N, C-alpha and C. Protein backbone atom coordinates (compact mmCIF):
# COMPACT_ATOMS: atom_id res chain seq x y z
N MET A 1 64.32 69.10 -38.28
CA MET A 1 62.99 69.19 -38.96
C MET A 1 62.52 70.56 -39.02
N THR A 2 61.69 70.91 -40.08
CA THR A 2 61.02 72.12 -40.22
C THR A 2 59.92 72.25 -39.56
N ASN A 3 59.20 73.42 -39.28
CA ASN A 3 58.08 73.51 -38.63
C ASN A 3 56.93 72.84 -39.48
N LYS A 4 57.09 72.93 -40.65
CA LYS A 4 56.08 72.18 -41.57
C LYS A 4 55.95 70.65 -41.39
N GLU A 5 57.18 70.11 -40.88
CA GLU A 5 57.22 68.68 -40.83
C GLU A 5 56.92 68.24 -39.31
N LYS A 6 57.07 69.26 -38.49
CA LYS A 6 56.77 68.77 -36.90
C LYS A 6 55.28 68.78 -36.66
N ILE A 7 55.12 68.13 -35.49
CA ILE A 7 53.76 68.21 -34.95
C ILE A 7 53.72 69.14 -33.75
N LEU A 8 52.93 70.19 -33.61
CA LEU A 8 52.93 71.11 -32.73
C LEU A 8 51.62 70.78 -31.74
N LEU A 9 51.90 70.59 -30.42
CA LEU A 9 51.07 70.14 -29.40
C LEU A 9 50.43 71.71 -28.87
N ILE A 10 49.28 72.06 -28.79
CA ILE A 10 48.81 73.08 -28.11
C ILE A 10 48.14 72.59 -26.95
N ALA A 11 48.69 72.63 -25.65
CA ALA A 11 47.97 71.94 -24.66
C ALA A 11 47.86 72.84 -23.30
N CYS A 12 47.28 72.21 -22.58
CA CYS A 12 46.82 72.81 -21.12
C CYS A 12 48.20 72.60 -20.38
N GLY A 13 48.55 73.83 -19.54
CA GLY A 13 49.74 73.88 -18.83
C GLY A 13 49.73 72.68 -17.71
N ALA A 14 48.41 72.36 -17.17
CA ALA A 14 48.39 71.30 -16.11
C ALA A 14 48.84 70.02 -16.73
N LEU A 15 49.06 69.76 -18.05
CA LEU A 15 49.62 68.51 -18.66
C LEU A 15 51.03 68.54 -19.06
N ALA A 16 51.67 69.70 -18.86
CA ALA A 16 52.86 69.73 -19.36
C ALA A 16 53.95 68.76 -18.92
N LYS A 17 53.94 68.51 -17.74
CA LYS A 17 54.97 67.51 -17.28
C LYS A 17 54.62 66.10 -17.83
N GLU A 18 53.43 65.73 -17.76
CA GLU A 18 53.05 64.50 -18.20
C GLU A 18 53.33 64.35 -19.80
N ILE A 19 53.08 65.46 -20.55
CA ILE A 19 53.40 65.29 -22.11
C ILE A 19 54.83 65.23 -22.16
N MET A 20 55.51 66.09 -21.31
CA MET A 20 57.10 65.94 -21.60
C MET A 20 57.66 64.62 -21.23
N ASP A 21 57.19 64.08 -20.30
CA ASP A 21 57.59 62.73 -19.99
C ASP A 21 57.29 61.70 -21.02
N ILE A 22 56.20 61.78 -21.64
CA ILE A 22 55.75 60.91 -22.67
C ILE A 22 56.56 61.08 -23.94
N ILE A 23 56.80 62.37 -24.25
CA ILE A 23 57.74 62.69 -25.42
C ILE A 23 58.97 62.19 -25.24
N GLU A 24 59.69 62.37 -24.05
CA GLU A 24 60.96 61.82 -23.70
C GLU A 24 61.06 60.31 -23.47
N LEU A 25 60.08 59.69 -23.02
CA LEU A 25 60.08 58.32 -22.89
C LEU A 25 60.07 57.46 -24.17
N ASN A 26 59.35 58.18 -25.00
CA ASN A 26 59.13 57.52 -26.39
C ASN A 26 59.82 58.03 -27.62
N LYS A 27 60.79 59.09 -27.08
CA LYS A 27 61.59 59.60 -28.28
C LYS A 27 60.75 60.25 -29.34
N LEU A 28 59.73 60.94 -28.98
CA LEU A 28 58.89 61.60 -29.97
C LEU A 28 59.51 62.99 -30.24
N GLU A 29 60.67 62.91 -30.98
CA GLU A 29 61.41 64.22 -31.48
C GLU A 29 60.76 65.16 -32.31
N HIS A 30 59.74 64.58 -33.05
CA HIS A 30 58.96 65.16 -34.08
C HIS A 30 57.83 66.11 -33.56
N ILE A 31 57.73 65.89 -32.20
CA ILE A 31 56.72 66.74 -31.35
C ILE A 31 57.27 67.79 -30.65
N GLU A 32 56.55 69.07 -30.80
CA GLU A 32 56.72 70.29 -29.96
C GLU A 32 55.57 70.57 -29.27
N LEU A 33 55.88 71.17 -28.04
CA LEU A 33 54.94 71.61 -27.21
C LEU A 33 54.82 72.98 -26.95
N GLU A 34 53.70 73.46 -26.90
CA GLU A 34 53.32 74.94 -26.66
C GLU A 34 52.12 74.88 -25.60
N CYS A 35 52.14 75.35 -24.33
CA CYS A 35 51.24 75.32 -23.34
C CYS A 35 50.58 76.57 -23.00
N LEU A 36 49.41 76.59 -22.67
CA LEU A 36 48.64 77.68 -22.16
C LEU A 36 48.66 77.55 -20.81
N PRO A 37 48.42 78.68 -19.91
CA PRO A 37 48.43 78.71 -18.51
C PRO A 37 47.43 77.75 -18.03
N ALA A 38 47.83 76.96 -17.00
CA ALA A 38 46.89 75.83 -16.27
C ALA A 38 45.66 76.71 -15.84
N GLN A 39 45.82 77.91 -15.22
CA GLN A 39 44.80 78.60 -14.53
C GLN A 39 43.52 78.90 -15.35
N LEU A 40 43.76 78.77 -16.71
CA LEU A 40 42.52 78.88 -17.60
C LEU A 40 41.35 78.04 -17.23
N HIS A 41 41.77 76.92 -16.30
CA HIS A 41 40.67 76.12 -15.96
C HIS A 41 39.73 76.79 -15.06
N ASN A 42 40.09 77.69 -14.44
CA ASN A 42 39.25 78.55 -13.51
C ASN A 42 38.30 79.48 -14.37
N THR A 43 38.51 79.66 -15.79
CA THR A 43 37.73 80.52 -16.52
C THR A 43 37.53 79.76 -17.89
N PRO A 44 36.98 78.53 -18.02
CA PRO A 44 36.93 77.74 -19.15
C PRO A 44 36.39 78.48 -20.31
N ASP A 45 35.39 79.49 -20.15
CA ASP A 45 35.09 80.15 -21.49
C ASP A 45 36.11 80.87 -22.18
N HIS A 46 37.23 81.06 -21.39
CA HIS A 46 38.29 81.69 -22.18
C HIS A 46 39.11 80.78 -22.92
N ILE A 47 39.20 79.49 -22.59
CA ILE A 47 40.12 78.50 -23.25
C ILE A 47 39.88 78.47 -24.74
N PRO A 48 38.59 78.51 -25.51
CA PRO A 48 38.53 78.35 -26.98
C PRO A 48 39.34 79.45 -27.62
N SER A 49 39.17 80.76 -27.15
CA SER A 49 39.82 81.96 -27.85
C SER A 49 41.21 81.96 -27.69
N ARG A 50 41.72 81.56 -26.48
CA ARG A 50 43.35 81.44 -26.39
C ARG A 50 43.95 80.39 -27.22
N VAL A 51 43.23 79.08 -27.28
CA VAL A 51 43.43 78.18 -28.04
C VAL A 51 43.70 78.65 -29.58
N GLU A 52 42.67 79.22 -29.96
CA GLU A 52 42.57 79.83 -31.33
C GLU A 52 43.63 80.66 -31.69
N GLU A 53 43.96 81.62 -30.65
CA GLU A 53 45.17 82.63 -30.81
C GLU A 53 46.34 81.96 -30.99
N LYS A 54 46.63 80.89 -30.30
CA LYS A 54 47.91 79.78 -30.57
C LYS A 54 47.89 79.26 -31.80
N ILE A 55 46.78 78.79 -32.38
CA ILE A 55 46.60 78.27 -33.69
C ILE A 55 47.05 78.94 -34.72
N ILE A 56 46.42 80.23 -34.84
CA ILE A 56 46.85 81.43 -35.71
C ILE A 56 48.26 81.61 -35.61
N GLU A 57 48.88 81.78 -34.43
CA GLU A 57 50.26 82.07 -34.27
C GLU A 57 51.04 80.89 -34.86
N ALA A 58 50.63 79.56 -34.49
CA ALA A 58 51.53 78.52 -35.09
C ALA A 58 51.44 78.50 -36.72
N LYS A 59 50.16 78.65 -37.10
CA LYS A 59 50.16 78.52 -38.59
C LYS A 59 50.97 79.72 -39.25
N GLY A 60 51.19 80.91 -38.56
CA GLY A 60 52.02 81.96 -39.14
C GLY A 60 53.40 81.52 -39.07
N LYS A 61 53.81 80.68 -38.25
CA LYS A 61 55.07 80.26 -38.11
C LYS A 61 55.38 78.90 -39.03
N GLY A 62 54.34 78.53 -39.79
CA GLY A 62 54.58 77.53 -40.76
C GLY A 62 54.29 76.29 -40.40
N TYR A 63 53.74 75.92 -39.11
CA TYR A 63 53.19 74.64 -38.65
C TYR A 63 51.81 74.18 -39.42
N LYS A 64 51.95 72.99 -39.95
CA LYS A 64 51.03 72.43 -40.78
C LYS A 64 50.13 71.29 -39.91
N ASN A 65 50.98 70.86 -39.04
CA ASN A 65 50.37 69.69 -38.24
C ASN A 65 50.23 70.13 -36.73
N ILE A 66 48.87 70.58 -36.33
CA ILE A 66 48.68 71.07 -35.03
C ILE A 66 47.70 70.01 -34.34
N TYR A 67 47.95 69.96 -33.12
CA TYR A 67 46.98 69.02 -32.31
C TYR A 67 46.85 69.57 -31.12
N CYS A 68 45.53 69.56 -30.52
CA CYS A 68 45.16 70.29 -29.35
C CYS A 68 45.03 69.21 -28.08
N VAL A 69 45.77 69.39 -26.97
CA VAL A 69 45.79 68.63 -25.90
C VAL A 69 44.98 69.17 -24.84
N TYR A 70 43.66 69.39 -25.01
CA TYR A 70 42.79 69.84 -24.11
C TYR A 70 41.51 68.83 -24.47
N ALA A 71 41.00 68.49 -23.13
CA ALA A 71 39.75 67.79 -23.43
C ALA A 71 38.68 68.90 -23.48
N ASP A 72 37.19 68.64 -23.51
CA ASP A 72 36.39 69.77 -23.47
C ASP A 72 36.76 70.80 -22.25
N CYS A 73 36.86 70.20 -21.25
CA CYS A 73 37.29 71.13 -20.04
C CYS A 73 36.40 72.29 -19.61
N GLY A 74 35.11 71.88 -19.71
CA GLY A 74 34.11 72.77 -19.40
C GLY A 74 33.79 74.05 -20.37
N THR A 75 34.15 73.71 -21.71
CA THR A 75 33.74 74.86 -22.52
C THR A 75 32.50 74.52 -23.08
N GLY A 76 31.72 73.63 -22.89
CA GLY A 76 30.49 73.33 -23.41
C GLY A 76 30.40 73.17 -24.96
N GLY A 77 31.45 72.59 -25.61
CA GLY A 77 31.50 72.40 -27.00
C GLY A 77 32.14 73.62 -27.73
N GLN A 78 32.41 74.69 -27.14
CA GLN A 78 33.00 75.88 -27.72
C GLN A 78 34.37 75.61 -28.10
N LEU A 79 35.18 74.73 -27.57
CA LEU A 79 36.43 74.45 -28.11
C LEU A 79 36.42 73.75 -29.26
N ASP A 80 35.54 72.61 -29.38
CA ASP A 80 35.30 72.08 -30.65
C ASP A 80 34.89 72.74 -31.74
N THR A 81 34.05 73.84 -31.56
CA THR A 81 33.73 74.65 -32.62
C THR A 81 34.93 75.39 -33.13
N VAL A 82 35.73 75.92 -32.19
CA VAL A 82 36.97 76.72 -32.73
C VAL A 82 37.85 75.60 -33.47
N LEU A 83 38.17 74.55 -32.90
CA LEU A 83 39.00 73.57 -33.52
C LEU A 83 38.58 73.23 -34.89
N GLY A 84 37.22 73.05 -35.15
CA GLY A 84 36.55 72.55 -36.42
C GLY A 84 36.88 73.73 -37.32
N GLN A 85 36.81 74.79 -37.00
CA GLN A 85 37.06 76.04 -38.09
C GLN A 85 38.46 76.18 -38.50
N HIS A 86 39.37 75.61 -37.81
CA HIS A 86 40.86 75.49 -38.13
C HIS A 86 41.25 74.07 -38.43
N GLU A 87 40.33 73.12 -38.54
CA GLU A 87 40.58 71.74 -38.88
C GLU A 87 41.78 71.28 -37.89
N VAL A 88 41.67 71.48 -36.63
CA VAL A 88 42.62 70.79 -35.61
C VAL A 88 41.89 69.94 -34.89
N SER A 89 42.43 68.75 -34.65
CA SER A 89 41.81 67.70 -33.73
C SER A 89 42.29 67.98 -32.37
N ARG A 90 41.56 67.31 -31.43
CA ARG A 90 41.96 67.27 -29.94
C ARG A 90 41.84 65.80 -29.38
N ILE A 91 42.44 65.75 -28.35
CA ILE A 91 42.33 64.49 -27.58
C ILE A 91 40.91 64.22 -27.14
N ALA A 92 40.40 63.13 -26.99
CA ALA A 92 39.08 62.78 -26.76
C ALA A 92 38.90 62.78 -25.24
N GLY A 93 37.57 63.31 -24.86
CA GLY A 93 37.14 63.26 -23.56
C GLY A 93 36.59 64.56 -22.89
N PRO A 94 35.89 64.38 -21.88
CA PRO A 94 35.23 65.77 -21.34
C PRO A 94 36.25 66.39 -20.61
N HIS A 95 37.19 65.81 -20.02
CA HIS A 95 38.25 66.39 -19.16
C HIS A 95 39.49 65.51 -18.84
N CYS A 96 40.46 65.92 -18.11
CA CYS A 96 41.60 64.98 -18.04
C CYS A 96 41.39 63.74 -17.28
N TYR A 97 40.50 64.02 -16.22
CA TYR A 97 40.29 62.76 -15.41
C TYR A 97 39.90 61.67 -16.19
N SER A 98 38.97 61.88 -17.31
CA SER A 98 38.51 60.98 -18.12
C SER A 98 39.58 60.14 -19.11
N PHE A 99 40.40 60.86 -19.63
CA PHE A 99 41.52 60.35 -20.45
C PHE A 99 42.55 59.71 -19.59
N PHE A 100 42.81 60.20 -18.45
CA PHE A 100 43.87 59.58 -17.54
C PHE A 100 43.22 58.17 -17.13
N VAL A 101 42.02 58.00 -16.84
CA VAL A 101 41.57 56.69 -16.48
C VAL A 101 41.10 56.02 -17.56
N GLY A 102 40.91 56.55 -18.78
CA GLY A 102 40.63 55.79 -20.05
C GLY A 102 39.20 56.24 -20.28
N ASN A 103 38.95 56.78 -21.59
CA ASN A 103 37.70 57.39 -21.97
C ASN A 103 36.57 56.23 -21.88
N ALA A 104 37.14 55.12 -22.26
CA ALA A 104 36.18 53.96 -22.29
C ALA A 104 35.61 53.50 -20.93
N LEU A 105 36.69 53.69 -19.99
CA LEU A 105 36.20 53.25 -18.57
C LEU A 105 35.56 54.37 -17.64
N PHE A 106 35.89 55.51 -17.96
CA PHE A 106 35.63 56.54 -17.01
C PHE A 106 34.18 56.94 -16.88
N PRO A 107 33.20 56.73 -17.83
CA PRO A 107 31.84 57.07 -17.69
C PRO A 107 31.12 56.14 -16.60
N LYS A 108 31.56 54.80 -16.67
CA LYS A 108 30.99 53.84 -15.67
C LYS A 108 31.47 54.12 -14.32
N GLN A 109 32.85 54.54 -14.07
CA GLN A 109 33.38 54.78 -13.03
C GLN A 109 32.84 56.08 -12.24
N SER A 110 32.88 57.03 -13.15
CA SER A 110 32.11 58.44 -12.60
C SER A 110 30.71 58.17 -12.28
N GLU A 111 29.93 57.26 -12.76
CA GLU A 111 28.53 57.14 -12.33
C GLU A 111 28.45 56.45 -11.05
N GLN A 112 29.45 55.64 -10.71
CA GLN A 112 29.47 54.99 -9.46
C GLN A 112 30.19 55.92 -8.31
N GLU A 113 30.85 56.88 -8.91
CA GLU A 113 31.63 57.83 -7.94
C GLU A 113 31.25 59.21 -7.94
N ILE A 114 29.74 59.35 -8.22
CA ILE A 114 29.34 60.77 -8.39
C ILE A 114 29.73 61.61 -7.28
N THR A 115 29.79 61.13 -5.98
CA THR A 115 30.11 61.85 -4.84
C THR A 115 31.60 62.22 -4.61
N SER A 116 32.44 61.81 -5.82
CA SER A 116 33.86 61.98 -5.54
C SER A 116 34.44 63.23 -6.24
N PHE A 117 35.56 63.77 -5.56
CA PHE A 117 36.21 64.97 -5.97
C PHE A 117 37.64 64.26 -6.54
N TYR A 118 37.96 64.56 -7.77
CA TYR A 118 39.24 64.01 -8.41
C TYR A 118 40.31 64.94 -8.26
N LEU A 119 41.54 64.35 -8.05
CA LEU A 119 42.78 65.01 -8.05
C LEU A 119 43.73 64.17 -9.11
N THR A 120 44.57 64.96 -9.84
CA THR A 120 45.66 64.45 -10.67
C THR A 120 46.91 64.75 -10.00
N ASP A 121 48.08 64.36 -10.42
CA ASP A 121 49.35 64.70 -9.96
C ASP A 121 49.42 66.11 -9.98
N PHE A 122 49.01 66.82 -10.90
CA PHE A 122 49.26 68.20 -11.01
C PHE A 122 48.44 68.92 -9.85
N LEU A 123 47.13 68.52 -9.54
CA LEU A 123 46.37 69.30 -8.68
C LEU A 123 46.68 68.80 -7.28
N ALA A 124 47.14 67.61 -7.21
CA ALA A 124 47.76 67.32 -5.78
C ALA A 124 49.04 68.23 -5.49
N GLU A 125 49.63 68.20 -6.37
CA GLU A 125 50.91 69.18 -6.16
C GLU A 125 50.51 70.82 -5.96
N HIS A 126 49.56 71.05 -6.74
CA HIS A 126 49.23 72.64 -6.63
C HIS A 126 47.75 72.78 -5.98
N PHE A 127 47.40 72.17 -5.10
CA PHE A 127 46.05 72.09 -4.64
C PHE A 127 45.91 73.50 -3.96
N GLU A 128 46.66 74.15 -3.25
CA GLU A 128 46.29 75.44 -2.70
C GLU A 128 46.00 76.47 -3.62
N ASN A 129 46.86 76.43 -4.87
CA ASN A 129 46.76 77.38 -5.94
C ASN A 129 45.69 77.24 -6.83
N PHE A 130 44.99 75.94 -7.05
CA PHE A 130 44.11 75.55 -7.93
C PHE A 130 42.93 75.10 -7.32
N VAL A 131 42.76 75.11 -6.22
CA VAL A 131 41.50 74.74 -5.48
C VAL A 131 41.15 75.61 -4.28
N ILE A 132 41.93 75.76 -3.25
CA ILE A 132 41.85 76.62 -2.06
C ILE A 132 41.67 78.03 -2.36
N LYS A 133 42.74 78.65 -3.09
CA LYS A 133 42.52 80.05 -3.35
C LYS A 133 41.42 80.35 -4.35
N PRO A 134 41.44 79.73 -5.47
CA PRO A 134 40.38 80.11 -6.25
C PRO A 134 38.86 80.03 -5.81
N LEU A 135 38.73 79.09 -4.88
CA LEU A 135 37.47 78.97 -4.19
C LEU A 135 37.27 80.02 -3.04
N GLY A 136 38.32 80.65 -2.79
CA GLY A 136 38.26 81.68 -1.69
C GLY A 136 38.31 80.97 -0.32
N LEU A 137 38.82 79.73 -0.13
CA LEU A 137 38.92 79.14 1.11
C LEU A 137 39.86 79.53 2.00
N ASP A 138 40.95 80.24 1.44
CA ASP A 138 41.96 80.73 2.32
C ASP A 138 41.56 82.05 3.04
N LYS A 139 40.58 82.75 2.50
CA LYS A 139 40.11 83.93 3.28
C LYS A 139 38.69 83.44 3.98
N HIS A 140 38.10 82.54 3.44
CA HIS A 140 36.72 82.21 3.87
C HIS A 140 36.57 80.50 4.22
N PRO A 141 37.20 80.10 5.05
CA PRO A 141 37.25 78.65 5.33
C PRO A 141 35.88 77.94 5.58
N GLU A 142 34.94 78.95 5.94
CA GLU A 142 33.56 78.28 6.43
C GLU A 142 32.99 77.75 4.91
N LEU A 143 33.33 78.34 3.82
CA LEU A 143 32.83 77.90 2.49
C LEU A 143 32.95 76.58 2.26
N LYS A 144 34.10 75.97 2.70
CA LYS A 144 34.41 74.58 2.52
C LYS A 144 33.20 73.61 2.69
N ASN A 145 32.55 73.65 3.79
CA ASN A 145 31.43 72.89 4.02
C ASN A 145 30.29 73.10 2.97
N ILE A 146 30.07 74.34 2.60
CA ILE A 146 29.26 74.46 1.61
C ILE A 146 29.58 73.95 0.23
N TYR A 147 30.80 74.26 -0.22
CA TYR A 147 31.31 73.74 -1.54
C TYR A 147 31.34 72.27 -1.60
N PHE A 148 31.60 71.55 -0.65
CA PHE A 148 32.00 70.06 -0.48
C PHE A 148 31.02 69.18 0.20
N GLU A 149 29.78 69.91 0.54
CA GLU A 149 28.80 69.30 1.20
C GLU A 149 28.27 67.97 0.79
N HIS A 150 28.30 67.79 -0.60
CA HIS A 150 27.83 66.40 -1.22
C HIS A 150 28.91 65.56 -1.58
N TYR A 151 30.00 65.88 -1.38
CA TYR A 151 31.18 65.00 -1.64
C TYR A 151 31.50 64.08 -0.61
N GLU A 152 31.90 62.78 -0.89
CA GLU A 152 32.12 61.92 0.18
C GLU A 152 33.63 61.40 0.22
N LYS A 153 34.37 61.45 -0.94
CA LYS A 153 35.77 61.28 -0.95
C LYS A 153 36.42 61.90 -2.04
N VAL A 154 37.85 62.00 -1.86
CA VAL A 154 38.71 62.39 -2.81
C VAL A 154 39.34 61.18 -3.52
N ILE A 155 39.24 61.23 -4.78
CA ILE A 155 40.09 60.04 -5.44
C ILE A 155 41.41 60.65 -6.19
N PHE A 156 42.42 60.27 -5.89
CA PHE A 156 43.83 60.64 -6.28
C PHE A 156 44.09 59.74 -7.51
N LEU A 157 43.96 60.36 -8.72
CA LEU A 157 44.17 59.63 -9.95
C LEU A 157 45.66 59.96 -10.20
N ALA A 158 46.51 59.08 -9.94
CA ALA A 158 47.94 59.23 -10.05
C ALA A 158 48.48 58.76 -11.28
N GLN A 159 49.35 59.72 -11.91
CA GLN A 159 50.06 59.49 -13.22
C GLN A 159 51.22 58.95 -12.86
N THR A 160 51.88 59.29 -11.68
CA THR A 160 53.39 58.49 -11.43
C THR A 160 53.15 57.94 -9.92
N GLU A 161 54.06 57.05 -9.61
CA GLU A 161 54.15 56.56 -8.45
C GLU A 161 55.15 57.31 -7.57
N ASN A 162 54.48 58.32 -6.97
CA ASN A 162 55.15 59.35 -6.09
C ASN A 162 54.54 59.46 -4.74
N SER A 163 55.34 58.96 -3.77
CA SER A 163 54.81 58.89 -2.42
C SER A 163 54.51 60.38 -1.81
N GLN A 164 55.30 61.30 -2.13
CA GLN A 164 55.16 62.76 -1.81
C GLN A 164 53.91 63.29 -2.31
N LEU A 165 53.58 63.11 -3.64
CA LEU A 165 52.29 63.49 -4.23
C LEU A 165 51.05 62.68 -3.55
N LYS A 166 51.29 61.49 -3.27
CA LYS A 166 50.10 60.80 -2.59
C LYS A 166 49.95 61.31 -1.37
N ASP A 167 50.84 61.72 -0.56
CA ASP A 167 50.82 62.41 0.83
C ASP A 167 50.05 63.62 0.82
N LYS A 168 50.43 64.47 -0.31
CA LYS A 168 49.67 65.79 -0.57
C LYS A 168 48.37 65.66 -0.98
N ALA A 169 48.05 64.66 -1.71
CA ALA A 169 46.75 64.16 -2.03
C ALA A 169 45.86 63.72 -0.87
N LYS A 170 46.49 63.20 0.15
CA LYS A 170 45.87 62.56 1.30
C LYS A 170 45.68 63.84 2.20
N ALA A 171 46.62 64.73 2.27
CA ALA A 171 46.48 65.96 2.95
C ALA A 171 45.28 66.78 2.55
N ALA A 172 45.16 66.94 1.28
CA ALA A 172 44.04 67.62 0.57
C ALA A 172 42.61 67.01 1.08
N ALA A 173 42.60 65.65 0.94
CA ALA A 173 41.40 64.99 1.39
C ALA A 173 41.21 65.26 2.87
N ASP A 174 41.95 65.20 3.73
CA ASP A 174 42.05 65.66 5.14
C ASP A 174 41.48 67.06 5.22
N TYR A 175 42.06 67.76 4.52
CA TYR A 175 41.56 69.33 4.58
C TYR A 175 40.19 69.50 4.21
N LEU A 176 39.63 68.71 3.38
CA LEU A 176 38.20 68.66 2.93
C LEU A 176 37.42 67.82 3.82
N ASP A 177 38.13 67.05 4.80
CA ASP A 177 37.20 66.25 5.63
C ASP A 177 36.41 65.01 4.84
N LEU A 178 37.15 64.70 3.82
CA LEU A 178 36.87 63.67 3.03
C LEU A 178 37.46 62.25 3.15
N LYS A 179 36.93 61.17 2.79
CA LYS A 179 37.67 60.00 2.67
C LYS A 179 38.71 60.11 1.47
N PHE A 180 39.74 59.17 1.49
CA PHE A 180 40.80 59.22 0.68
C PHE A 180 40.77 57.95 -0.05
N GLU A 181 40.94 57.98 -1.41
CA GLU A 181 41.24 56.82 -2.25
C GLU A 181 42.19 56.95 -3.33
N TYR A 182 43.29 56.13 -3.55
CA TYR A 182 44.29 56.14 -4.35
C TYR A 182 44.01 55.25 -5.79
N GLN A 183 44.20 55.79 -6.86
CA GLN A 183 44.07 54.99 -8.00
C GLN A 183 45.08 55.30 -9.09
N PHE A 184 46.00 54.29 -9.34
CA PHE A 184 47.08 54.65 -10.28
C PHE A 184 46.65 54.44 -11.63
N THR A 185 46.74 55.49 -12.41
CA THR A 185 46.27 55.56 -13.82
C THR A 185 47.15 55.44 -14.83
N GLY A 186 48.36 55.83 -14.39
CA GLY A 186 49.53 56.23 -15.44
C GLY A 186 48.95 57.39 -16.32
N TYR A 187 49.54 57.26 -17.75
CA TYR A 187 49.07 58.38 -18.47
C TYR A 187 47.82 58.13 -19.13
N GLY A 188 47.34 56.80 -19.18
CA GLY A 188 46.14 56.46 -19.84
C GLY A 188 46.10 56.90 -21.23
N ASP A 189 45.01 57.35 -21.73
CA ASP A 189 44.86 57.67 -23.21
C ASP A 189 45.65 58.69 -23.70
N LEU A 190 46.13 59.64 -22.75
CA LEU A 190 47.22 60.51 -23.07
C LEU A 190 48.50 59.91 -23.87
N ASP A 191 48.92 58.97 -23.16
CA ASP A 191 50.17 58.27 -23.78
C ASP A 191 49.76 57.57 -24.98
N VAL A 192 48.61 56.87 -25.09
CA VAL A 192 48.16 56.19 -26.33
C VAL A 192 47.97 57.29 -27.64
N THR A 193 47.38 58.38 -27.26
CA THR A 193 47.16 59.34 -28.32
C THR A 193 48.47 59.94 -28.74
N LEU A 194 49.29 60.29 -27.99
CA LEU A 194 50.40 61.14 -28.41
C LEU A 194 51.29 60.11 -29.22
N ASN A 195 51.51 58.82 -28.80
CA ASN A 195 52.21 57.85 -29.47
C ASN A 195 51.60 57.69 -30.97
N GLN A 196 50.32 57.75 -31.05
CA GLN A 196 49.65 57.62 -32.30
C GLN A 196 49.89 58.83 -33.42
N LEU A 197 50.40 59.84 -32.74
CA LEU A 197 50.61 61.03 -33.74
C LEU A 197 51.98 60.83 -34.29
């Protein structure tokens, strides 16, 4: 297939494994994946400009069908503004927790779980690099009680049934001195959306 015929996904690096699993399981050979660094979640104001750079680059390579696999991800609508300027759509939802649970279900759940800290497979695997170090807890562990003072539990939204990741998520909850809850979501709306493409 030519680039003109393919669908290019511009996605968050934190979703790379899940997206590749969905592509492989469903034989979505017409889809290609280009990821931006997952670390951008620590600076969400940089996401729109980095996505725009990728869109411009992709159009220069002849891609006509481009889809963004970022939720709003803390950009405050700035990502949607950029995507609108380039006529590129994105997966629905405010963040990945929502589309993994299901955008129709998550708002009600999050209202009931307002004191919960969420982990996905990616965050459970990379808890130290994406939570502990960015928050400075490796150097200032006393900040843990300040940052997480109002949280009551960790909810592990699992995309795969993986006992090692479950153990890591439980260890993260223990580290934060929070209760632990496991919820298997699978790929949720991510799977549905990619198959619709």
